[in-house]
């Protein structure tokens, strides 16, 4: 299955990279694609979001464009992982 959700993370944050690695290691179906917040793609995916909000936490973007940020992203992210 191709990755259909995008998880945006701060590539300069050690804890963020560690957390990302934990989630991706459990993503056996390959549903999550990681994109650094510092990338041009992040600017496109999070268009309209100010830089302070963008860099404050991670963001999960669903295939329909819905964005979940910070703690609100945890439940939808966990639902993507096998039990």
PDB file of N, CA and C in Angstrom:
ATOM      1  N   UNK A   1       0.845  -1.176   0.000  1.00  0.00           N
ATOM      2  CA  UNK A   1       0.000   0.000   0.000  1.00  0.00           C
ATOM      3  C   UNK A   1       0.891   1.240   0.000  1.00  0.00           C
ATOM      4  N   UNK A   2       0.569   2.197  -0.821  1.00  0.00           N
ATOM      5  CA  UNK A   2       1.346   3.442  -0.868  1.00  0.00           C
ATOM      6  C   UNK A   2       0.961   4.330   0.313  1.00  0.00           C
ATOM      7  N   UNK A   3       1.921   5.108   0.772  1.00  0.00           N
ATOM      8  CA  UNK A   3       1.666   6.033   1.879  1.00  0.00           C
ATOM      9  C   UNK A   3       0.570   7.008   1.469  1.00  0.00           C
ATOM     10  N   UNK A   4      -0.474   7.096   2.288  1.00  0.00           N
ATOM     11  CA  UNK A   4      -1.573   7.998   1.962  1.00  0.00           C
ATOM     12  C   UNK A   4      -1.742   9.118   2.978  1.00  0.00           C
ATOM     13  N   UNK A   5      -0.939   9.111   4.030  1.00  0.00           N
ATOM     14  CA  UNK A   5      -0.950  10.161   5.043  1.00  0.00           C
ATOM     15  C   UNK A   5       0.459  10.734   5.155  1.00  0.00           C
ATOM     16  N   UNK A   6       0.540  12.026   5.432  1.00  0.00           N
ATOM     17  CA  UNK A   6       1.841  12.684   5.560  1.00  0.00           C
ATOM     18  C   UNK A   6       2.001  13.164   6.996  1.00  0.00           C
ATOM     19  N   UNK A   7       3.125  12.808   7.605  1.00  0.00           N
ATOM     20  CA  UNK A   7       3.459  13.280   8.944  1.00  0.00           C
ATOM     21  C   UNK A   7       4.597  14.281   8.809  1.00  0.00           C
ATOM     22  N   UNK A   8       4.304  15.526   9.150  1.00  0.00           N
ATOM     23  CA  UNK A   8       5.293  16.595   9.060  1.00  0.00           C
ATOM     24  C   UNK A   8       5.949  16.760  10.424  1.00  0.00           C
ATOM     25  N   UNK A   9       7.258  16.820  10.442  1.00  0.00           N
ATOM     26  CA  UNK A   9       8.008  16.853  11.699  1.00  0.00           C
ATOM     27  C   UNK A   9       9.180  17.822  11.567  1.00  0.00           C
ATOM     28  N   UNK A  10       9.710  18.253  12.708  1.00  0.00           N
ATOM     29  CA  UNK A  10      10.858  19.162  12.746  1.00  0.00           C
ATOM     30  C   UNK A  10      12.141  18.339  12.641  1.00  0.00           C
ATOM     31  N   UNK A  11      12.804  18.426  11.510  1.00  0.00           N
ATOM     32  CA  UNK A  11      14.022  17.641  11.271  1.00  0.00           C
ATOM     33  C   UNK A  11      15.189  18.090  12.141  1.00  0.00           C
ATOM     34  N   UNK A  12      15.090  19.266  12.753  1.00  0.00           N
ATOM     35  CA  UNK A  12      16.158  19.766  13.621  1.00  0.00           C
ATOM     36  C   UNK A  12      15.953  19.384  15.081  1.00  0.00           C
ATOM     37  N   UNK A  13      14.885  18.682  15.378  1.00  0.00           N
ATOM     38  CA  UNK A  13      14.525  18.322  16.752  1.00  0.00           C
ATOM     39  C   UNK A  13      14.828  16.844  16.983  1.00  0.00           C
ATOM     40  N   UNK A  14      15.740  16.557  17.888  1.00  0.00           N
ATOM     41  CA  UNK A  14      16.106  15.174  18.174  1.00  0.00           C
ATOM     42  C   UNK A  14      14.934  14.345  18.671  1.00  0.00           C
ATOM     43  N   UNK A  15      14.135  14.888  19.574  1.00  0.00           N
ATOM     44  CA  UNK A  15      12.979  14.158  20.087  1.00  0.00           C
ATOM     45  C   UNK A  15      11.973  13.892  18.970  1.00  0.00           C
ATOM     46  N   UNK A  16      11.799  14.869  18.092  1.00  0.00           N
ATOM     47  CA  UNK A  16      10.868  14.704  16.964  1.00  0.00           C
ATOM     48  C   UNK A  16      11.319  13.567  16.049  1.00  0.00           C
ATOM     49  N   UNK A  17      12.608  13.521  15.751  1.00  0.00           N
ATOM     50  CA  UNK A  17      13.142  12.449  14.893  1.00  0.00           C
ATOM     51  C   UNK A  17      13.016  11.099  15.589  1.00  0.00           C
ATOM     52  N   UNK A  18      13.281  11.055  16.889  1.00  0.00           N
ATOM     53  CA  UNK A  18      13.156   9.812  17.660  1.00  0.00           C
ATOM     54  C   UNK A  18      11.707   9.327  17.626  1.00  0.00           C
ATOM     55  N   UNK A  19      10.761  10.240  17.897  1.00  0.00           N
ATOM     56  CA  UNK A  19       9.341   9.881  17.889  1.00  0.00           C
ATOM     57  C   UNK A  19       8.909   9.392  16.509  1.00  0.00           C
ATOM     58  N   UNK A  20       9.348  10.088  15.488  1.00  0.00           N
ATOM     59  CA  UNK A  20       9.034   9.699  14.117  1.00  0.00           C
ATOM     60  C   UNK A  20       9.527   8.283  13.836  1.00  0.00           C
ATOM     61  N   UNK A  21      10.750   7.985  14.230  1.00  0.00           N
ATOM     62  CA  UNK A  21      11.298   6.642  14.019  1.00  0.00           C
ATOM     63  C   UNK A  21      10.441   5.578  14.687  1.00  0.00           C
ATOM     64  N   UNK A  22       9.939   5.868  15.894  1.00  0.00           N
ATOM     65  CA  UNK A  22       9.093   4.902  16.614  1.00  0.00           C
ATOM     66  C   UNK A  22       7.801   4.645  15.839  1.00  0.00           C
ATOM     67  N   UNK A  23       7.159   5.717  15.354  1.00  0.00           N
ATOM     68  CA  UNK A  23       5.920   5.538  14.599  1.00  0.00           C
ATOM     69  C   UNK A  23       6.173   4.815  13.285  1.00  0.00           C
ATOM     70  N   UNK A  24       7.200   5.217  12.559  1.00  0.00           N
ATOM     71  CA  UNK A  24       7.468   4.591  11.261  1.00  0.00           C
ATOM     72  C   UNK A  24       7.852   3.124  11.397  1.00  0.00           C
ATOM     73  N   UNK A  25       8.510   2.763  12.492  1.00  0.00           N
ATOM     74  CA  UNK A  25       8.877   1.354  12.692  1.00  0.00           C
ATOM     75  C   UNK A  25       7.644   0.480  12.906  1.00  0.00           C
ATOM     76  N   UNK A  26       6.544   1.071  13.351  1.00  0.00           N
ATOM     77  CA  UNK A  26       5.298   0.331  13.553  1.00  0.00           C
ATOM     78  C   UNK A  26       4.389   0.382  12.325  1.00  0.00           C
ATOM     79  N   UNK A  27       4.716   1.236  11.374  1.00  0.00           N
ATOM     80  CA  UNK A  27       3.897   1.424  10.176  1.00  0.00           C
ATOM     81  C   UNK A  27       4.232   0.351   9.136  1.00  0.00           C
ATOM     82  N   UNK A  28       3.874  -0.884   9.449  1.00  0.00           N
ATOM     83  CA  UNK A  28       4.221  -2.010   8.576  1.00  0.00           C
ATOM     84  C   UNK A  28       3.503  -1.963   7.227  1.00  0.00           C
ATOM     85  N   UNK A  29       2.384  -1.253   7.159  1.00  0.00           N
ATOM     86  CA  UNK A  29       1.637  -1.154   5.899  1.00  0.00           C
ATOM     87  C   UNK A  29       2.096   0.019   5.038  1.00  0.00           C
ATOM     88  N   UNK A  30       3.025   0.820   5.548  1.00  0.00           N
ATOM     89  CA  UNK A  30       3.549   1.938   4.774  1.00  0.00           C
ATOM     90  C   UNK A  30       2.537   3.029   4.488  1.00  0.00           C
ATOM     91  N   UNK A  31       1.664   3.314   5.445  1.00  0.00           N
ATOM     92  CA  UNK A  31       0.610   4.321   5.238  1.00  0.00           C
ATOM     93  C   UNK A  31       1.064   5.737   5.542  1.00  0.00           C
ATOM     94  N   UNK A  32       2.218   5.880   6.205  1.00  0.00           N
ATOM     95  CA  UNK A  32       2.682   7.201   6.636  1.00  0.00           C
ATOM     96  C   UNK A  32       3.952   7.573   5.881  1.00  0.00           C
ATOM     97  N   UNK A  33       3.944   8.782   5.341  1.00  0.00           N
ATOM     98  CA  UNK A  33       5.141   9.316   4.683  1.00  0.00           C
ATOM     99  C   UNK A  33       5.605  10.513   5.495  1.00  0.00           C
ATOM    100  N   UNK A  34       6.865  10.507   5.883  1.00  0.00           N
ATOM    101  CA  UNK A  34       7.425  11.583   6.695  1.00  0.00           C
ATOM    102  C   UNK A  34       7.981  12.688   5.804  1.00  0.00           C
ATOM    103  N   UNK A  35       7.687  13.928   6.178  1.00  0.00           N
ATOM    104  CA  UNK A  35       8.173  15.102   5.448  1.00  0.00           C
ATOM    105  C   UNK A  35       8.655  16.125   6.472  1.00  0.00           C
ATOM    106  N   UNK A  36       9.892  16.599   6.347  1.00  0.00           N
ATOM    107  CA  UNK A  36      10.382  17.620   7.281  1.00  0.00           C
ATOM    108  C   UNK A  36       9.601  18.929   7.136  1.00  0.00           C
ATOM    109  N   UNK A  37       9.348  19.576   8.262  1.00  0.00           N
ATOM    110  CA  UNK A  37       8.681  20.878   8.242  1.00  0.00           C
ATOM    111  C   UNK A  37       9.491  21.924   7.494  1.00  0.00           C
ATOM    112  N   UNK A  38      10.788  21.700   7.387  1.00  0.00           N
ATOM    113  CA  UNK A  38      11.676  22.653   6.723  1.00  0.00           C
ATOM    114  C   UNK A  38      11.645  22.525   5.199  1.00  0.00           C
ATOM    115  N   UNK A  39      10.895  21.589   4.666  1.00  0.00           N
ATOM    116  CA  UNK A  39      10.893  21.340   3.220  1.00  0.00           C
ATOM    117  C   UNK A  39       9.860  22.205   2.497  1.00  0.00           C
ATOM    118  N   UNK A  40      10.087  22.456   1.204  1.00  0.00           N
ATOM    119  CA  UNK A  40       9.093  23.187   0.401  1.00  0.00           C
ATOM    120  C   UNK A  40       7.742  22.464   0.362  1.00  0.00           C
ATOM    121  N   UNK A  41       7.772  21.138   0.397  1.00  0.00           N
ATOM    122  CA  UNK A  41       6.515  20.381   0.382  1.00  0.00           C
ATOM    123  C   UNK A  41       5.671  20.697   1.608  1.00  0.00           C
ATOM    124  N   UNK A  42       6.312  20.899   2.753  1.00  0.00           N
ATOM    125  CA  UNK A  42       5.573  21.249   3.971  1.00  0.00           C
ATOM    126  C   UNK A  42       4.848  22.577   3.799  1.00  0.00           C
ATOM    127  N   UNK A  43       5.496  23.529   3.135  1.00  0.00           N
ATOM    128  CA  UNK A  43       4.856  24.827   2.893  1.00  0.00           C
ATOM    129  C   UNK A  43       3.586  24.666   2.061  1.00  0.00           C
ATOM    130  N   UNK A  44       3.622  23.759   1.104  1.00  0.00           N
ATOM    131  CA  UNK A  44       2.452  23.511   0.258  1.00  0.00           C
ATOM    132  C   UNK A  44       1.357  22.817   1.064  1.00  0.00           C
ATOM    133  N   UNK A  45       1.732  21.782   1.811  1.00  0.00           N
ATOM    134  CA  UNK A  45       0.750  21.017   2.582  1.00  0.00           C
ATOM    135  C   UNK A  45       0.110  21.839   3.692  1.00  0.00           C
ATOM    136  N   UNK A  46       0.871  22.769   4.257  1.00  0.00           N
ATOM    137  CA  UNK A  46       0.372  23.581   5.372  1.00  0.00           C
ATOM    138  C   UNK A  46       0.135  25.027   4.947  1.00  0.00           C
ATOM    139  N   UNK A  47      -0.229  25.215   3.700  1.00  0.00           N
ATOM    140  CA  UNK A  47      -0.442  26.581   3.184  1.00  0.00           C
ATOM    141  C   UNK A  47      -1.437  27.322   4.079  1.00  0.00           C
ATOM    142  N   UNK A  48      -1.121  28.573   4.342  1.00  0.00           N
ATOM    143  CA  UNK A  48      -1.978  29.381   5.193  1.00  0.00           C
ATOM    144  C   UNK A  48      -1.654  29.299   6.670  1.00  0.00           C
ATOM    145  N   UNK A  49      -0.835  28.338   7.072  1.00  0.00           N
ATOM    146  CA  UNK A  49      -0.457  28.219   8.479  1.00  0.00           C
ATOM    147  C   UNK A  49       0.767  29.094   8.719  1.00  0.00           C
ATOM    148  N   UNK A  50       0.713  29.909   9.768  1.00  0.00           N
ATOM    149  CA  UNK A  50       1.860  30.781  10.040  1.00  0.00           C
ATOM    150  C   UNK A  50       3.055  29.952  10.526  1.00  0.00           C
ATOM    151  N   UNK A  51       4.237  30.508  10.365  1.00  0.00           N
ATOM    152  CA  UNK A  51       5.480  29.787  10.662  1.00  0.00           C
ATOM    153  C   UNK A  51       5.541  29.355  12.123  1.00  0.00           C
ATOM    154  N   UNK A  52       5.121  30.207  13.036  1.00  0.00           N
ATOM    155  CA  UNK A  52       5.178  29.867  14.465  1.00  0.00           C
ATOM    156  C   UNK A  52       4.319  28.636  14.767  1.00  0.00           C
ATOM    157  N   UNK A  53       3.119  28.613  14.242  1.00  0.00           N
ATOM    158  CA  UNK A  53       2.230  27.462  14.445  1.00  0.00           C
ATOM    159  C   UNK A  53       2.792  26.231  13.751  1.00  0.00           C
ATOM    160  N   UNK A  54       3.287  26.418  12.546  1.00  0.00           N
ATOM    161  CA  UNK A  54       3.847  25.299  11.775  1.00  0.00           C
ATOM    162  C   UNK A  54       4.984  24.628  12.536  1.00  0.00           C
ATOM    163  N   UNK A  55       5.883  25.417  13.100  1.00  0.00           N
ATOM    164  CA  UNK A  55       7.069  24.869  13.752  1.00  0.00           C
ATOM    165  C   UNK A  55       6.834  24.470  15.209  1.00  0.00           C
ATOM    166  N   UNK A  56       5.643  24.729  15.746  1.00  0.00           N
ATOM    167  CA  UNK A  56       5.365  24.447  17.155  1.00  0.00           C
ATOM    168  C   UNK A  56       5.191  22.959  17.443  1.00  0.00           C
ATOM    169  N   UNK A  57       4.841  22.170  16.429  1.00  0.00           N
ATOM    170  CA  UNK A  57       4.589  20.750  16.678  1.00  0.00           C
ATOM    171  C   UNK A  57       4.555  19.993  15.357  1.00  0.00           C
ATOM    172  N   UNK A  58       4.227  18.725  15.428  1.00  0.00           N
ATOM    173  CA  UNK A  58       4.082  17.926  14.229  1.00  0.00           C
ATOM    174  C   UNK A  58       2.657  18.061  13.713  1.00  0.00           C
ATOM    175  N   UNK A  59       2.448  17.620  12.470  1.00  0.00           N
ATOM    176  CA  UNK A  59       1.149  17.740  11.817  1.00  0.00           C
ATOM    177  C   UNK A  59       0.923  16.492  10.967  1.00  0.00           C
ATOM    178  N   UNK A  60      -0.280  15.961  11.040  1.00  0.00           N
ATOM    179  CA  UNK A  60      -0.671  14.824  10.213  1.00  0.00           C
ATOM    180  C   UNK A  60      -1.647  15.327   9.162  1.00  0.00           C
ATOM    181  N   UNK A  61      -1.346  15.064   7.894  1.00  0.00           N
ATOM    182  CA  UNK A  61      -2.219  15.481   6.793  1.00  0.00           C
ATOM    183  C   UNK A  61      -2.835  14.230   6.176  1.00  0.00           C
ATOM    184  N   UNK A  62      -4.163  14.168   6.213  1.00  0.00           N
ATOM    185  CA  UNK A  62      -4.888  13.042   5.630  1.00  0.00           C
ATOM    186  C   UNK A  62      -5.001  13.218   4.120  1.00  0.00           C
ATOM    187  N   UNK A  63      -5.350  12.158   3.403  1.00  0.00           N
ATOM    188  CA  UNK A  63      -5.472  12.240   1.945  1.00  0.00           C
ATOM    189  C   UNK A  63      -6.456  13.313   1.469  1.00  0.00           C
ATOM    190  N   UNK A  64      -7.477  13.606   2.269  1.00  0.00           N
ATOM    191  CA  UNK A  64      -8.451  14.629   1.867  1.00  0.00           C
ATOM    192  C   UNK A  64      -7.997  16.049   2.206  1.00  0.00           C
ATOM    193  N   UNK A  65      -6.773  16.181   2.766  1.00  0.00           N
ATOM    194  CA  UNK A  65      -6.227  17.489   3.088  1.00  0.00           C
ATOM    195  C   UNK A  65      -6.468  17.944   4.514  1.00  0.00           C
ATOM    196  N   UNK A  66      -7.232  17.179   5.287  1.00  0.00           N
ATOM    197  CA  UNK A  66      -7.467  17.517   6.688  1.00  0.00           C
ATOM    198  C   UNK A  66      -6.147  17.478   7.440  1.00  0.00           C
ATOM    199  N   UNK A  67      -5.911  18.507   8.264  1.00  0.00           N
ATOM    200  CA  UNK A  67      -4.670  18.603   9.030  1.00  0.00           C
ATOM    201  C   UNK A  67      -4.985  18.479  10.516  1.00  0.00           C
ATOM    202  N   UNK A  68      -4.274  17.580  11.187  1.00  0.00           N
ATOM    203  CA  UNK A  68      -4.325  17.444  12.639  1.00  0.00           C
ATOM    204  C   UNK A  68      -2.969  17.875  13.172  1.00  0.00           C
ATOM    205  N   UNK A  69      -2.976  18.745  14.174  1.00  0.00           N
ATOM    206  CA  UNK A  69      -1.719  19.274  14.701  1.00  0.00           C
ATOM    207  C   UNK A  69      -1.552  18.945  16.177  1.00  0.00           C
ATOM    208  N   UNK A  70      -0.293  18.824  16.580  1.00  0.00           N
ATOM    209  CA  UNK A  70       0.088  18.615  17.983  1.00  0.00           C
ATOM    210  C   UNK A  70      -0.625  17.384  18.545  1.00  0.00           C
ATOM    211  N   UNK A  71      -1.185  17.494  19.730  1.00  0.00           N
ATOM    212  CA  UNK A  71      -1.835  16.362  20.383  1.00  0.00           C
ATOM    213  C   UNK A  71      -3.026  15.823  19.621  1.00  0.00           C
ATOM    214  N   UNK A  72      -3.698  16.681  18.862  1.00  0.00           N
ATOM    215  CA  UNK A  72      -4.854  16.243  18.074  1.00  0.00           C
ATOM    216  C   UNK A  72      -4.460  15.253  16.984  1.00  0.00           C
ATOM    217  N   UNK A  73      -3.174  15.184  16.652  1.00  0.00           N
ATOM    218  CA  UNK A  73      -2.704  14.259  15.612  1.00  0.00           C
ATOM    219  C   UNK A  73      -2.461  12.852  16.146  1.00  0.00           C
ATOM    220  N   UNK A  74      -2.370  12.702  17.459  1.00  0.00           N
ATOM    221  CA  UNK A  74      -1.980  11.405  18.028  1.00  0.00           C
ATOM    222  C   UNK A  74      -3.011  10.318  17.742  1.00  0.00           C
ATOM    223  N   UNK A  75      -4.279  10.549  18.052  1.00  0.00           N
ATOM    224  CA  UNK A  75      -5.294   9.506  17.854  1.00  0.00           C
ATOM    225  C   UNK A  75      -5.410   9.096  16.386  1.00  0.00           C
ATOM    226  N   UNK A  76      -5.524  10.044  15.432  1.00  0.00           N
ATOM    227  CA  UNK A  76      -5.594   9.604  14.035  1.00  0.00           C
ATOM    228  C   UNK A  76      -4.326   8.892  13.576  1.00  0.00           C
ATOM    229  N   UNK A  77      -3.192   9.291  14.117  1.00  0.00           N
ATOM    230  CA  UNK A  77      -1.932   8.642  13.761  1.00  0.00           C
ATOM    231  C   UNK A  77      -1.903   7.207  14.278  1.00  0.00           C
ATOM    232  N   UNK A  78      -2.315   7.006  15.516  1.00  0.00           N
ATOM    233  CA  UNK A  78      -2.334   5.654  16.084  1.00  0.00           C
ATOM    234  C   UNK A  78      -3.307   4.743  15.342  1.00  0.00           C
ATOM    235  N   UNK A  79      -4.409   5.302  14.842  1.00  0.00           N
ATOM    236  CA  UNK A  79      -5.377   4.483  14.091  1.00  0.00           C
ATOM    237  C   UNK A  79      -4.798   3.959  12.781  1.00  0.00           C
ATOM    238  N   UNK A  80      -3.739   4.580  12.287  1.00  0.00           N
ATOM    239  CA  UNK A  80      -3.098   4.121  11.049  1.00  0.00           C
ATOM    240  C   UNK A  80      -2.202   2.908  11.267  1.00  0.00           C
ATOM    241  N   UNK A  81      -1.815   2.680  12.514  1.00  0.00           N
ATOM    242  CA  UNK A  81      -0.860   1.612  12.818  1.00  0.00           C
ATOM    243  C   UNK A  81      -1.577   0.306  13.111  1.00  0.00           C
ATOM    244  N   UNK A  82      -0.973  -0.816  12.733  1.00  0.00           N
ATOM    245  CA  UNK A  82      -1.573  -2.111  13.056  1.00  0.00           C
ATOM    246  C   UNK A  82      -1.606  -2.310  14.568  1.00  0.00           C
ATOM    247  N   UNK A  83      -2.543  -3.087  15.010  1.00  0.00           N
ATOM    248  CA  UNK A  83      -2.679  -3.341  16.457  1.00  0.00           C
ATOM    249  C   UNK A  83      -1.737  -4.405  16.916  1.00  0.00           C
TER     250      UNK A  83
END
